[in-house]
Amino acid sequence: MKEKKLELSNKKKKVMVFGGTGFIGCLITKELLENNYEVTCVSKDENVQENDYIKGASFTFADLEKIDDKETEELLSGYDYFIFAAGVDDRYIPKAPALEFFRKANVDTTLKITKAAKRVGVQKGIIITSYFAHFARQNPEWELTKHHPYIKSRVEQEDECMKLADDTFSVVVLQLPYVIGAIKGRKPLFKPLVKYLHLSGPTLFMNGGTAVVTVKQVARAVKGALSDNIVSNIYPIATQNLSWNEFIKKINPKKRQIIHIPKFLIKAFGWLIDTLHRLKGKEGGLKMTEYVNMQVSKLFLNLNNHKELFDIIEGELEDAFEEMVTESII
């Protein structure tokens, strides 16, 4: 009997990572593999190429918006945990009304997976969302869910999934700020910004600032959140707060002249973008005329909260910026 217990205790925990081949998902997969988890990546792209980050993981292919509840249960059966890192971000400009698109991609899909996971006995789900949802709750006077379909979808995604948490099934939401880093050979999300900040001459930019975290720190936070010590809750995570001037200098330390654009000019440009989208029958996940108010604010997080989720490695943020710049300008 003792030998049987020992055998069971050494059994690898099985984790299903939705979006495991994406930017954040790859690093999560790598972190889990290195810590002796058995990992399956779910992707709807059957042409996905294996790389060093996900080498050793299994793969399954499914369109999460098309599979039914029974198929979702079959997909998750036998797993201990799931991680959802496959949400649609605010860069998408769908046909109006945008809320319908973002609800389908972020709310309906995640809720279907979370419900199925609970039904088949998965122990815990980790859901990756945005720190915009944190500020929507912290600053209700900003009316972020009223103005921004993307943010409304993230708040609904969190609220609906957290309702499913109980004594037998845990739900942990990790709200991410700007994620810094890169995957070798893959175009970084911030490539246009990096190129702009390396142009000669003065840089036109806004006031304000943002919290940041590295992609490797996100991966460690996900691994940490699988621990039984991390209970069901919503965790906004960050390892540093940077003014936009500091953010620019991280990308281009040689940048000397930064000219702050007046808020009314940024708002005028935002109005132009919103108008162009409307004329094309489209709508952004962020209403740019209102998003300006966030852009010029200091979207900072409490760095002392939830530090137990990951170890802070000295110099890691600087390395992540350097990797991002290198992959952006090659």
C-alpha atoms as a PDB file:
ATOM      1  CA  MET A   1       0.000   0.000   0.000  1.00  0.00           C
ATOM      2  CA  LYS A   2       2.851   2.396   0.825  1.00  0.00           C
ATOM      3  CA  GLU A   3       4.487   1.681  -2.503  1.00  0.00           C
ATOM      4  CA  LYS A   4       1.238   2.474  -4.307  1.00  0.00           C
ATOM      5  CA  LYS A   5       0.922   5.813  -2.515  1.00  0.00           C
ATOM      6  CA  LEU A   6       4.482   6.700  -3.438  1.00  0.00           C
ATOM      7  CA  GLU A   7       3.770   5.848  -7.061  1.00  0.00           C
ATOM      8  CA  LEU A   8       0.726   8.099  -7.115  1.00  0.00           C
ATOM      9  CA  SER A   9       2.562  10.996  -5.479  1.00  0.00           C
ATOM     10  CA  ASN A  10       5.256  10.889  -8.173  1.00  0.00           C
ATOM     11  CA  LYS A  11       2.739  10.992 -11.003  1.00  0.00           C
ATOM     12  CA  LYS A  12       3.080  14.096 -13.151  1.00  0.00           C
ATOM     13  CA  LYS A  13       0.256  16.605 -12.949  1.00  0.00           C
ATOM     14  CA  LYS A  14      -1.462  17.150 -16.284  1.00  0.00           C
ATOM     15  CA  VAL A  15      -2.060  20.690 -17.509  1.00  0.00           C
ATOM     16  CA  MET A  16      -3.963  21.806 -20.596  1.00  0.00           C
ATOM     17  CA  VAL A  17      -2.847  25.209 -21.907  1.00  0.00           C
ATOM     18  CA  PHE A  18      -5.289  26.964 -24.201  1.00  0.00           C
ATOM     19  CA  GLY A  19      -3.218  29.318 -26.324  1.00  0.00           C
ATOM     20  CA  GLY A  20      -0.070  27.410 -25.387  1.00  0.00           C
ATOM     21  CA  THR A  21       1.641  28.242 -28.679  1.00  0.00           C
ATOM     22  CA  GLY A  22       1.144  32.015 -28.408  1.00  0.00           C
ATOM     23  CA  PHE A  23       3.574  34.597 -27.024  1.00  0.00           C
ATOM     24  CA  ILE A  24       2.591  34.199 -23.369  1.00  0.00           C
ATOM     25  CA  GLY A  25       1.476  30.592 -23.773  1.00  0.00           C
ATOM     26  CA  CYS A  26       4.873  29.435 -25.068  1.00  0.00           C
ATOM     27  CA  LEU A  27       6.673  30.718 -21.986  1.00  0.00           C
ATOM     28  CA  ILE A  28       4.005  29.219 -19.700  1.00  0.00           C
ATOM     29  CA  THR A  29       4.407  25.873 -21.440  1.00  0.00           C
ATOM     30  CA  LYS A  30       8.204  26.032 -21.124  1.00  0.00           C
ATOM     31  CA  GLU A  31       8.017  26.887 -17.409  1.00  0.00           C
ATOM     32  CA  LEU A  32       5.636  24.025 -16.689  1.00  0.00           C
ATOM     33  CA  LEU A  33       7.668  21.490 -18.655  1.00  0.00           C
ATOM     34  CA  GLU A  34      10.792  22.499 -16.760  1.00  0.00           C
ATOM     35  CA  ASN A  35       8.928  21.913 -13.498  1.00  0.00           C
ATOM     36  CA  ASN A  36       7.853  18.384 -14.322  1.00  0.00           C
ATOM     37  CA  TYR A  37       4.273  18.994 -15.467  1.00  0.00           C
ATOM     38  CA  GLU A  38       2.780  17.059 -18.360  1.00  0.00           C
ATOM     39  CA  VAL A  39       1.557  19.741 -20.760  1.00  0.00           C
ATOM     40  CA  THR A  40      -0.866  19.694 -23.676  1.00  0.00           C
ATOM     41  CA  CYS A  41      -1.174  22.816 -25.819  1.00  0.00           C
ATOM     42  CA  VAL A  42      -4.501  23.522 -27.507  1.00  0.00           C
ATOM     43  CA  SER A  43      -4.411  25.523 -30.735  1.00  0.00           C
ATOM     44  CA  LYS A  44      -6.769  26.022 -33.662  1.00  0.00           C
ATOM     45  CA  ASP A  45      -3.792  26.459 -36.002  1.00  0.00           C
ATOM     46  CA  GLU A  46      -2.851  23.002 -37.266  1.00  0.00           C
ATOM     47  CA  ASN A  47       0.211  24.477 -38.987  1.00  0.00           C
ATOM     48  CA  VAL A  48       1.808  25.609 -35.746  1.00  0.00           C
ATOM     49  CA  GLN A  49       5.542  25.015 -35.699  1.00  0.00           C
ATOM     50  CA  GLU A  50       7.249  23.387 -32.724  1.00  0.00           C
ATOM     51  CA  ASN A  51       9.931  25.555 -31.139  1.00  0.00           C
ATOM     52  CA  ASP A  52      12.359  25.279 -28.241  1.00  0.00           C
ATOM     53  CA  TYR A  53       9.822  26.800 -25.845  1.00  0.00           C
ATOM     54  CA  ILE A  54       7.165  24.133 -26.342  1.00  0.00           C
ATOM     55  CA  LYS A  55       9.361  21.162 -27.198  1.00  0.00           C
ATOM     56  CA  GLY A  56       8.205  18.239 -25.096  1.00  0.00           C
ATOM     57  CA  ALA A  57       4.548  19.283 -24.951  1.00  0.00           C
ATOM     58  CA  SER A  58       1.688  17.418 -26.606  1.00  0.00           C
ATOM     59  CA  PHE A  59      -0.634  19.174 -29.051  1.00  0.00           C
ATOM     60  CA  THR A  60      -4.306  19.034 -29.830  1.00  0.00           C
ATOM     61  CA  PHE A  61      -6.210  21.185 -32.308  1.00  0.00           C
ATOM     62  CA  ALA A  62      -9.663  22.607 -31.711  1.00  0.00           C
ATOM     63  CA  ASP A  63     -11.687  25.679 -32.607  1.00  0.00           C
ATOM     64  CA  LEU A  64     -12.967  26.630 -29.169  1.00  0.00           C
ATOM     65  CA  GLU A  65     -15.840  28.655 -30.574  1.00  0.00           C
ATOM     66  CA  LYS A  66     -17.162  25.697 -32.583  1.00  0.00           C
ATOM     67  CA  ILE A  67     -16.782  22.641 -30.360  1.00  0.00           C
ATOM     68  CA  ASP A  68     -19.816  21.780 -28.230  1.00  0.00           C
ATOM     69  CA  ASP A  69     -20.035  21.093 -24.499  1.00  0.00           C
ATOM     70  CA  LYS A  70     -19.548  17.339 -24.865  1.00  0.00           C
ATOM     71  CA  GLU A  71     -16.446  17.782 -27.019  1.00  0.00           C
ATOM     72  CA  THR A  72     -15.073  20.291 -24.519  1.00  0.00           C
ATOM     73  CA  GLU A  73     -15.572  17.815 -21.673  1.00  0.00           C
ATOM     74  CA  GLU A  74     -13.805  15.085 -23.672  1.00  0.00           C
ATOM     75  CA  LEU A  75     -10.942  17.495 -24.331  1.00  0.00           C
ATOM     76  CA  LEU A  76     -10.434  18.240 -20.623  1.00  0.00           C
ATOM     77  CA  SER A  77     -11.075  14.796 -19.167  1.00  0.00           C
ATOM     78  CA  GLY A  78      -8.141  13.439 -17.201  1.00  0.00           C
ATOM     79  CA  TYR A  79      -6.438  16.799 -16.629  1.00  0.00           C
ATOM     80  CA  ASP A  80      -5.624  18.287 -13.245  1.00  0.00           C
ATOM     81  CA  TYR A  81      -5.471  21.918 -14.326  1.00  0.00           C
ATOM     82  CA  PHE A  82      -6.230  24.157 -17.277  1.00  0.00           C
ATOM     83  CA  ILE A  83      -4.741  27.511 -18.234  1.00  0.00           C
ATOM     84  CA  PHE A  84      -6.606  29.877 -20.532  1.00  0.00           C
ATOM     85  CA  ALA A  85      -4.215  32.207 -22.364  1.00  0.00           C
ATOM     86  CA  ALA A  86      -6.160  32.360 -25.614  1.00  0.00           C
ATOM     87  CA  GLY A  87      -8.257  35.486 -25.163  1.00  0.00           C
ATOM     88  CA  VAL A  88      -8.639  38.109 -27.880  1.00  0.00           C
ATOM     89  CA  ASP A  89      -6.909  41.390 -27.059  1.00  0.00           C
ATOM     90  CA  ASP A  90      -7.841  45.003 -27.759  1.00  0.00           C
ATOM     91  CA  ARG A  91      -5.949  45.214 -31.069  1.00  0.00           C
ATOM     92  CA  TYR A  92      -8.817  43.593 -32.962  1.00  0.00           C
ATOM     93  CA  ILE A  93     -11.157  45.914 -34.865  1.00  0.00           C
ATOM     94  CA  PRO A  94     -14.251  43.806 -35.619  1.00  0.00           C
ATOM     95  CA  LYS A  95     -17.490  44.730 -37.332  1.00  0.00           C
ATOM     96  CA  ALA A  96     -19.812  46.783 -35.151  1.00  0.00           C
ATOM     97  CA  PRO A  97     -21.100  46.073 -32.575  1.00  0.00           C
ATOM     98  CA  ALA A  98     -17.716  45.088 -31.159  1.00  0.00           C
ATOM     99  CA  LEU A  99     -19.121  43.824 -27.856  1.00  0.00           C
ATOM    100  CA  GLU A 100     -20.710  40.863 -29.627  1.00  0.00           C
ATOM    101  CA  PHE A 101     -17.312  39.837 -31.040  1.00  0.00           C
ATOM    102  CA  PHE A 102     -15.406  40.247 -27.768  1.00  0.00           C
ATOM    103  CA  ARG A 103     -18.084  38.484 -25.723  1.00  0.00           C
ATOM    104  CA  LYS A 104     -17.969  35.483 -28.037  1.00  0.00           C
ATOM    105  CA  ALA A 105     -14.156  35.312 -27.979  1.00  0.00           C
ATOM    106  CA  ASN A 106     -13.463  36.142 -24.337  1.00  0.00           C
ATOM    107  CA  VAL A 107     -16.575  35.407 -22.301  1.00  0.00           C
ATOM    108  CA  ASP A 108     -18.430  32.567 -24.002  1.00  0.00           C
ATOM    109  CA  THR A 109     -15.339  30.521 -24.823  1.00  0.00           C
ATOM    110  CA  THR A 110     -13.767  30.820 -21.382  1.00  0.00           C
ATOM    111  CA  LEU A 111     -17.034  30.091 -19.617  1.00  0.00           C
ATOM    112  CA  LYS A 112     -17.617  26.965 -21.737  1.00  0.00           C
ATOM    113  CA  ILE A 113     -14.147  25.666 -20.879  1.00  0.00           C
ATOM    114  CA  THR A 114     -14.444  26.501 -17.176  1.00  0.00           C
ATOM    115  CA  LYS A 115     -17.859  24.840 -16.827  1.00  0.00           C
ATOM    116  CA  ALA A 116     -16.669  21.733 -18.654  1.00  0.00           C
ATOM    117  CA  ALA A 117     -13.514  21.585 -16.524  1.00  0.00           C
ATOM    118  CA  LYS A 118     -15.548  21.674 -13.331  1.00  0.00           C
ATOM    119  CA  ARG A 119     -17.899  18.953 -14.578  1.00  0.00           C
ATOM    120  CA  VAL A 120     -15.073  16.520 -15.409  1.00  0.00           C
ATOM    121  CA  GLY A 121     -13.152  17.023 -12.163  1.00  0.00           C
ATOM    122  CA  VAL A 122     -10.357  19.434 -13.099  1.00  0.00           C
ATOM    123  CA  GLN A 123      -8.967  20.868  -9.843  1.00  0.00           C
ATOM    124  CA  LYS A 124      -8.127  24.430 -10.874  1.00  0.00           C
ATOM    125  CA  GLY A 125      -8.334  26.834 -13.795  1.00  0.00           C
ATOM    126  CA  ILE A 126      -5.953  29.767 -14.374  1.00  0.00           C
ATOM    127  CA  ILE A 127      -7.406  32.492 -16.583  1.00  0.00           C
ATOM    128  CA  ILE A 128      -5.250  35.238 -18.095  1.00  0.00           C
ATOM    129  CA  THR A 129      -6.982  38.615 -18.476  1.00  0.00           C
ATOM    130  CA  SER A 130      -6.112  42.317 -18.544  1.00  0.00           C
ATOM    131  CA  TYR A 131      -5.351  44.886 -15.864  1.00  0.00           C
ATOM    132  CA  PHE A 132      -7.955  47.065 -17.553  1.00  0.00           C
ATOM    133  CA  ALA A 133     -10.571  45.028 -15.665  1.00  0.00           C
ATOM    134  CA  HIS A 134      -8.823  45.924 -12.402  1.00  0.00           C
ATOM    135  CA  PHE A 135      -9.067  49.636 -13.156  1.00  0.00           C
ATOM    136  CA  ALA A 136     -12.691  49.275 -14.280  1.00  0.00           C
ATOM    137  CA  ARG A 137     -13.549  48.063 -10.774  1.00  0.00           C
ATOM    138  CA  GLN A 138     -11.163  50.364  -8.920  1.00  0.00           C
ATOM    139  CA  ASN A 139     -12.297  53.514 -10.753  1.00  0.00           C
ATOM    140  CA  PRO A 140     -16.014  53.141 -11.546  1.00  0.00           C
ATOM    141  CA  GLU A 141     -16.201  56.866 -12.304  1.00  0.00           C
ATOM    142  CA  TRP A 142     -14.129  56.205 -15.441  1.00  0.00           C
ATOM    143  CA  GLU A 143     -17.071  54.135 -16.816  1.00  0.00           C
ATOM    144  CA  LEU A 144     -14.669  51.838 -18.665  1.00  0.00           C
ATOM    145  CA  THR A 145     -17.218  49.078 -19.253  1.00  0.00           C
ATOM    146  CA  LYS A 146     -19.615  51.622 -20.724  1.00  0.00           C
ATOM    147  CA  HIS A 147     -17.135  53.018 -23.255  1.00  0.00           C
ATOM    148  CA  HIS A 148     -14.926  50.041 -24.133  1.00  0.00           C
ATOM    149  CA  PRO A 149     -16.356  46.722 -25.425  1.00  0.00           C
ATOM    150  CA  TYR A 150     -13.039  44.961 -24.880  1.00  0.00           C
ATOM    151  CA  ILE A 151     -12.845  45.962 -21.204  1.00  0.00           C
ATOM    152  CA  LYS A 152     -16.490  45.070 -20.647  1.00  0.00           C
ATOM    153  CA  SER A 153     -15.805  41.592 -22.051  1.00  0.00           C
ATOM    154  CA  ARG A 154     -12.850  41.123 -19.689  1.00  0.00           C
ATOM    155  CA  VAL A 155     -14.885  42.122 -16.631  1.00  0.00           C
ATOM    156  CA  GLU A 156     -17.715  39.794 -17.654  1.00  0.00           C
ATOM    157  CA  GLN A 157     -15.201  37.006 -18.352  1.00  0.00           C
ATOM    158  CA  GLU A 158     -13.805  37.295 -14.828  1.00  0.00           C
ATOM    159  CA  ASP A 159     -17.160  37.672 -13.100  1.00  0.00           C
ATOM    160  CA  GLU A 160     -18.808  34.705 -14.814  1.00  0.00           C
ATOM    161  CA  CYS A 161     -15.888  32.330 -14.297  1.00  0.00           C
ATOM    162  CA  MET A 162     -15.351  33.301 -10.653  1.00  0.00           C
ATOM    163  CA  LYS A 163     -18.968  32.321  -9.931  1.00  0.00           C
ATOM    164  CA  LEU A 164     -17.979  28.700 -10.629  1.00  0.00           C
ATOM    165  CA  ALA A 165     -15.316  28.543  -7.914  1.00  0.00           C
ATOM    166  CA  ASP A 166     -16.135  26.459  -4.843  1.00  0.00           C
ATOM    167  CA  ASP A 167     -14.490  24.097  -2.353  1.00  0.00           C
ATOM    168  CA  THR A 168     -13.807  21.477  -5.025  1.00  0.00           C
ATOM    169  CA  PHE A 169     -12.876  23.696  -7.965  1.00  0.00           C
ATOM    170  CA  SER A 170     -10.572  26.723  -7.885  1.00  0.00           C
ATOM    171  CA  VAL A 171     -10.524  29.626 -10.327  1.00  0.00           C
ATOM    172  CA  VAL A 172      -7.550  31.992 -10.347  1.00  0.00           C
ATOM    173  CA  VAL A 173      -7.576  35.081 -12.575  1.00  0.00           C
ATOM    174  CA  LEU A 174      -4.258  36.780 -13.366  1.00  0.00           C
ATOM    175  CA  GLN A 175      -4.692  40.335 -14.652  1.00  0.00           C
ATOM    176  CA  LEU A 176      -1.701  41.376 -16.739  1.00  0.00           C
ATOM    177  CA  PRO A 177      -0.368  44.856 -17.512  1.00  0.00           C
ATOM    178  CA  TYR A 178       2.069  45.497 -20.396  1.00  0.00           C
ATOM    179  CA  VAL A 179       3.982  42.243 -20.926  1.00  0.00           C
ATOM    180  CA  ILE A 180       7.631  42.765 -21.880  1.00  0.00           C
ATOM    181  CA  GLY A 181       9.802  40.227 -23.663  1.00  0.00           C
ATOM    182  CA  ALA A 182      10.089  38.342 -26.931  1.00  0.00           C
ATOM    183  CA  ILE A 183      10.242  34.926 -28.522  1.00  0.00           C
ATOM    184  CA  LYS A 184      13.273  34.448 -30.725  1.00  0.00           C
ATOM    185  CA  GLY A 185      12.345  34.610 -34.392  1.00  0.00           C
ATOM    186  CA  ARG A 186       8.825  35.941 -33.775  1.00  0.00           C
ATOM    187  CA  LYS A 187       7.742  39.561 -34.293  1.00  0.00           C
ATOM    188  CA  PRO A 188       7.100  41.203 -30.892  1.00  0.00           C
ATOM    189  CA  LEU A 189       3.791  42.876 -30.163  1.00  0.00           C
ATOM    190  CA  PHE A 190       5.541  46.212 -29.572  1.00  0.00           C
ATOM    191  CA  LYS A 191       7.654  46.149 -32.761  1.00  0.00           C
ATOM    192  CA  PRO A 192       6.007  49.300 -34.280  1.00  0.00           C
ATOM    193  CA  LEU A 193       6.546  51.206 -31.024  1.00  0.00           C
ATOM    194  CA  VAL A 194      10.178  50.055 -30.767  1.00  0.00           C
ATOM    195  CA  LYS A 195      10.870  51.193 -34.320  1.00  0.00           C
ATOM    196  CA  TYR A 196       9.203  54.545 -33.680  1.00  0.00           C
ATOM    197  CA  LEU A 197      11.238  55.143 -30.536  1.00  0.00           C
ATOM    198  CA  HIS A 198      14.458  54.465 -32.445  1.00  0.00           C
ATOM    199  CA  LEU A 199      13.794  57.149 -35.039  1.00  0.00           C
ATOM    200  CA  SER A 200      16.175  60.094 -34.899  1.00  0.00           C
ATOM    201  CA  GLY A 201      14.964  63.404 -33.537  1.00  0.00           C
ATOM    202  CA  PRO A 202      12.510  64.197 -30.739  1.00  0.00           C
ATOM    203  CA  THR A 203       9.821  61.705 -29.743  1.00  0.00           C
ATOM    204  CA  LEU A 204       6.212  62.814 -29.440  1.00  0.00           C
ATOM    205  CA  PHE A 205       4.511  60.888 -26.660  1.00  0.00           C
ATOM    206  CA  MET A 206       1.964  61.198 -23.891  1.00  0.00           C
ATOM    207  CA  ASN A 207       2.213  61.769 -20.162  1.00  0.00           C
ATOM    208  CA  GLY A 208       1.260  59.073 -17.677  1.00  0.00           C
ATOM    209  CA  GLY A 209       2.631  55.576 -17.272  1.00  0.00           C
ATOM    210  CA  THR A 210       1.913  51.893 -16.820  1.00  0.00           C
ATOM    211  CA  ALA A 211       2.667  48.829 -14.768  1.00  0.00           C
ATOM    212  CA  VAL A 212       4.770  46.176 -16.510  1.00  0.00           C
ATOM    213  CA  VAL A 213       5.707  42.530 -16.082  1.00  0.00           C
ATOM    214  CA  THR A 214       8.018  40.287 -18.100  1.00  0.00           C
ATOM    215  CA  VAL A 215       6.674  37.312 -20.002  1.00  0.00           C
ATOM    216  CA  LYS A 216       8.944  35.015 -17.975  1.00  0.00           C
ATOM    217  CA  GLN A 217       7.518  36.462 -14.760  1.00  0.00           C
ATOM    218  CA  VAL A 218       4.002  35.749 -16.058  1.00  0.00           C
ATOM    219  CA  ALA A 219       5.016  32.143 -16.692  1.00  0.00           C
ATOM    220  CA  ARG A 220       6.352  31.809 -13.141  1.00  0.00           C
ATOM    221  CA  ALA A 221       3.197  33.433 -11.765  1.00  0.00           C
ATOM    222  CA  VAL A 222       1.063  30.865 -13.579  1.00  0.00           C
ATOM    223  CA  LYS A 223       3.169  28.042 -12.163  1.00  0.00           C
ATOM    224  CA  GLY A 224       2.885  29.620  -8.704  1.00  0.00           C
ATOM    225  CA  ALA A 225      -0.883  29.941  -9.062  1.00  0.00           C
ATOM    226  CA  LEU A 226      -1.193  26.167  -9.493  1.00  0.00           C
ATOM    227  CA  SER A 227      -0.118  25.758  -5.877  1.00  0.00           C
ATOM    228  CA  ASP A 228      -2.790  24.787  -3.371  1.00  0.00           C
ATOM    229  CA  ASN A 229      -1.724  27.832  -1.346  1.00  0.00           C
ATOM    230  CA  ILE A 230      -3.129  30.192  -4.006  1.00  0.00           C
ATOM    231  CA  VAL A 231      -6.876  30.331  -3.482  1.00  0.00           C
ATOM    232  CA  SER A 232      -9.619  31.361  -5.890  1.00  0.00           C
ATOM    233  CA  ASN A 233      -9.372  35.087  -6.486  1.00  0.00           C
ATOM    234  CA  ILE A 234      -8.493  37.821  -8.983  1.00  0.00           C
ATOM    235  CA  TYR A 235      -4.815  38.799  -8.867  1.00  0.00           C
ATOM    236  CA  PRO A 236      -3.518  41.920 -10.672  1.00  0.00           C
ATOM    237  CA  ILE A 237       0.219  41.293 -11.052  1.00  0.00           C
ATOM    238  CA  ALA A 238       3.169  43.517 -11.935  1.00  0.00           C
ATOM    239  CA  THR A 239       6.829  43.836 -11.021  1.00  0.00           C
ATOM    240  CA  GLN A 240       7.448  47.506 -11.831  1.00  0.00           C
ATOM    241  CA  ASN A 241       5.616  50.770 -12.486  1.00  0.00           C
ATOM    242  CA  LEU A 242       7.097  53.012 -15.170  1.00  0.00           C
ATOM    243  CA  SER A 243       6.256  56.505 -16.340  1.00  0.00           C
ATOM    244  CA  TRP A 244       6.050  56.669 -20.136  1.00  0.00           C
ATOM    245  CA  ASN A 245       9.353  58.555 -20.116  1.00  0.00           C
ATOM    246  CA  GLU A 246      10.960  55.697 -18.183  1.00  0.00           C
ATOM    247  CA  PHE A 247       9.315  53.177 -20.506  1.00  0.00           C
ATOM    248  CA  ILE A 248      10.771  54.971 -23.541  1.00  0.00           C
ATOM    249  CA  LYS A 249      14.241  55.030 -22.005  1.00  0.00           C
ATOM    250  CA  LYS A 250      14.034  51.271 -21.382  1.00  0.00           C
ATOM    251  CA  ILE A 251      13.473  50.799 -25.104  1.00  0.00           C
ATOM    252  CA  ASN A 252      15.932  53.433 -26.275  1.00  0.00           C
ATOM    253  CA  PRO A 253      18.344  54.636 -23.559  1.00  0.00           C
ATOM    254  CA  LYS A 254      19.855  57.115 -26.030  1.00  0.00           C
ATOM    255  CA  LYS A 255      16.587  58.985 -26.519  1.00  0.00           C
ATOM    256  CA  ARG A 256      17.183  62.507 -25.283  1.00  0.00           C
ATOM    257  CA  GLN A 257      14.188  64.641 -26.261  1.00  0.00           C
ATOM    258  CA  ILE A 258      10.633  63.596 -25.412  1.00  0.00           C
ATOM    259  CA  ILE A 259       7.842  66.063 -26.146  1.00  0.00           C
ATOM    260  CA  HIS A 260       4.547  65.425 -24.376  1.00  0.00           C
ATOM    261  CA  ILE A 261       1.495  65.765 -26.616  1.00  0.00           C
ATOM    262  CA  PRO A 262      -1.365  67.783 -25.074  1.00  0.00           C
ATOM    263  CA  LYS A 263      -4.338  65.668 -24.116  1.00  0.00           C
ATOM    264  CA  PHE A 264      -6.726  67.556 -26.420  1.00  0.00           C
ATOM    265  CA  LEU A 265      -4.588  66.706 -29.459  1.00  0.00           C
ATOM    266  CA  ILE A 266      -4.488  63.014 -28.542  1.00  0.00           C
ATOM    267  CA  LYS A 267      -8.264  63.126 -28.080  1.00  0.00           C
ATOM    268  CA  ALA A 268      -8.699  64.719 -31.524  1.00  0.00           C
ATOM    269  CA  PHE A 269      -6.603  61.967 -33.084  1.00  0.00           C
ATOM    270  CA  GLY A 270      -8.649  59.375 -31.198  1.00  0.00           C
ATOM    271  CA  TRP A 271     -11.857  60.913 -32.552  1.00  0.00           C
ATOM    272  CA  LEU A 272     -10.470  60.595 -36.076  1.00  0.00           C
ATOM    273  CA  ILE A 273      -9.679  56.897 -35.552  1.00  0.00           C
ATOM    274  CA  ASP A 274     -13.142  56.204 -34.106  1.00  0.00           C
ATOM    275  CA  THR A 275     -14.750  58.021 -37.029  1.00  0.00           C
ATOM    276  CA  LEU A 276     -12.785  56.057 -39.631  1.00  0.00           C
ATOM    277  CA  HIS A 277     -13.785  52.797 -37.961  1.00  0.00           C
ATOM    278  CA  ARG A 278     -17.420  53.856 -37.889  1.00  0.00           C
ATOM    279  CA  LEU A 279     -17.397  54.775 -41.597  1.00  0.00           C
ATOM    280  CA  LYS A 280     -16.133  51.266 -42.375  1.00  0.00           C
ATOM    281  CA  GLY A 281     -18.853  49.674 -40.235  1.00  0.00           C
ATOM    282  CA  LYS A 282     -16.327  48.627 -37.609  1.00  0.00           C
ATOM    283  CA  GLU A 283     -15.762  49.333 -33.924  1.00  0.00           C
ATOM    284  CA  GLY A 284     -12.622  49.038 -31.834  1.00  0.00           C
ATOM    285  CA  GLY A 285     -12.480  47.213 -28.547  1.00  0.00           C
ATOM    286  CA  LEU A 286     -11.299  50.504 -27.066  1.00  0.00           C
ATOM    287  CA  LYS A 287     -13.109  53.741 -27.887  1.00  0.00           C
ATOM    288  CA  MET A 288     -10.127  55.937 -28.627  1.00  0.00           C
ATOM    289  CA  THR A 289     -11.688  59.264 -27.668  1.00  0.00           C
ATOM    290  CA  GLU A 290     -12.279  57.833 -24.174  1.00  0.00           C
ATOM    291  CA  TYR A 291      -9.162  55.680 -24.023  1.00  0.00           C
ATOM    292  CA  VAL A 292      -7.097  58.862 -24.015  1.00  0.00           C
ATOM    293  CA  ASN A 293      -8.080  59.362 -20.381  1.00  0.00           C
ATOM    294  CA  MET A 294      -6.371  56.064 -19.534  1.00  0.00           C
ATOM    295  CA  GLN A 295      -3.352  56.700 -21.747  1.00  0.00           C
ATOM    296  CA  VAL A 296      -2.419  59.864 -19.881  1.00  0.00           C
ATOM    297  CA  SER A 297      -3.082  58.338 -16.444  1.00  0.00           C
ATOM    298  CA  LYS A 298      -0.623  56.418 -14.298  1.00  0.00           C
ATOM    299  CA  LEU A 299      -1.989  52.895 -14.568  1.00  0.00           C
ATOM    300  CA  PHE A 300       0.122  51.651 -11.681  1.00  0.00           C
ATOM    301  CA  LEU A 301      -0.427  48.537  -9.567  1.00  0.00           C
ATOM    302  CA  ASN A 302       0.564  47.770  -5.982  1.00  0.00           C
ATOM    303  CA  LEU A 303       3.851  45.922  -6.392  1.00  0.00           C
ATOM    304  CA  ASN A 304       3.662  44.461  -2.880  1.00  0.00           C
ATOM    305  CA  ASN A 305       0.504  42.493  -3.684  1.00  0.00           C
ATOM    306  CA  HIS A 306       0.801  38.869  -4.788  1.00  0.00           C
ATOM    307  CA  LYS A 307       4.612  38.781  -4.781  1.00  0.00           C
ATOM    308  CA  GLU A 308       4.267  35.223  -3.550  1.00  0.00           C
ATOM    309  CA  LEU A 309       3.301  34.197  -7.076  1.00  0.00           C
ATOM    310  CA  PHE A 310       6.772  34.615  -8.556  1.00  0.00           C
ATOM    311  CA  ASP A 311      10.414  35.227  -7.727  1.00  0.00           C
ATOM    312  CA  ILE A 312      11.802  38.593  -8.789  1.00  0.00           C
ATOM    313  CA  ILE A 313      15.084  38.041 -10.608  1.00  0.00           C
ATOM    314  CA  GLU A 314      17.509  40.980 -10.582  1.00  0.00           C
ATOM    315  CA  GLY A 315      17.918  42.536 -14.023  1.00  0.00           C
ATOM    316  CA  GLU A 316      15.200  40.441 -15.647  1.00  0.00           C
ATOM    317  CA  LEU A 317      13.114  43.422 -16.733  1.00  0.00           C
ATOM    318  CA  GLU A 318      16.105  45.047 -18.442  1.00  0.00           C
ATOM    319  CA  ASP A 319      16.888  41.759 -20.194  1.00  0.00           C
ATOM    320  CA  ALA A 320      13.276  41.468 -21.359  1.00  0.00           C
ATOM    321  CA  PHE A 321      13.325  44.975 -22.847  1.00  0.00           C
ATOM    322  CA  GLU A 322      16.608  44.172 -24.557  1.00  0.00           C
ATOM    323  CA  GLU A 323      15.190  40.961 -26.055  1.00  0.00           C
ATOM    324  CA  MET A 324      12.111  42.835 -27.267  1.00  0.00           C
ATOM    325  CA  VAL A 325      14.209  45.529 -28.923  1.00  0.00           C
ATOM    326  CA  THR A 326      16.568  43.003 -30.524  1.00  0.00           C
ATOM    327  CA  GLU A 327      13.724  41.004 -32.070  1.00  0.00           C
ATOM    328  CA  SER A 328      12.017  44.213 -33.227  1.00  0.00           C
ATOM    329  CA  ILE A 329      14.891  45.768 -35.130  1.00  0.00           C
ATOM    330  CA  ILE A 330      16.582  42.733 -36.731  1.00  0.00           C
END
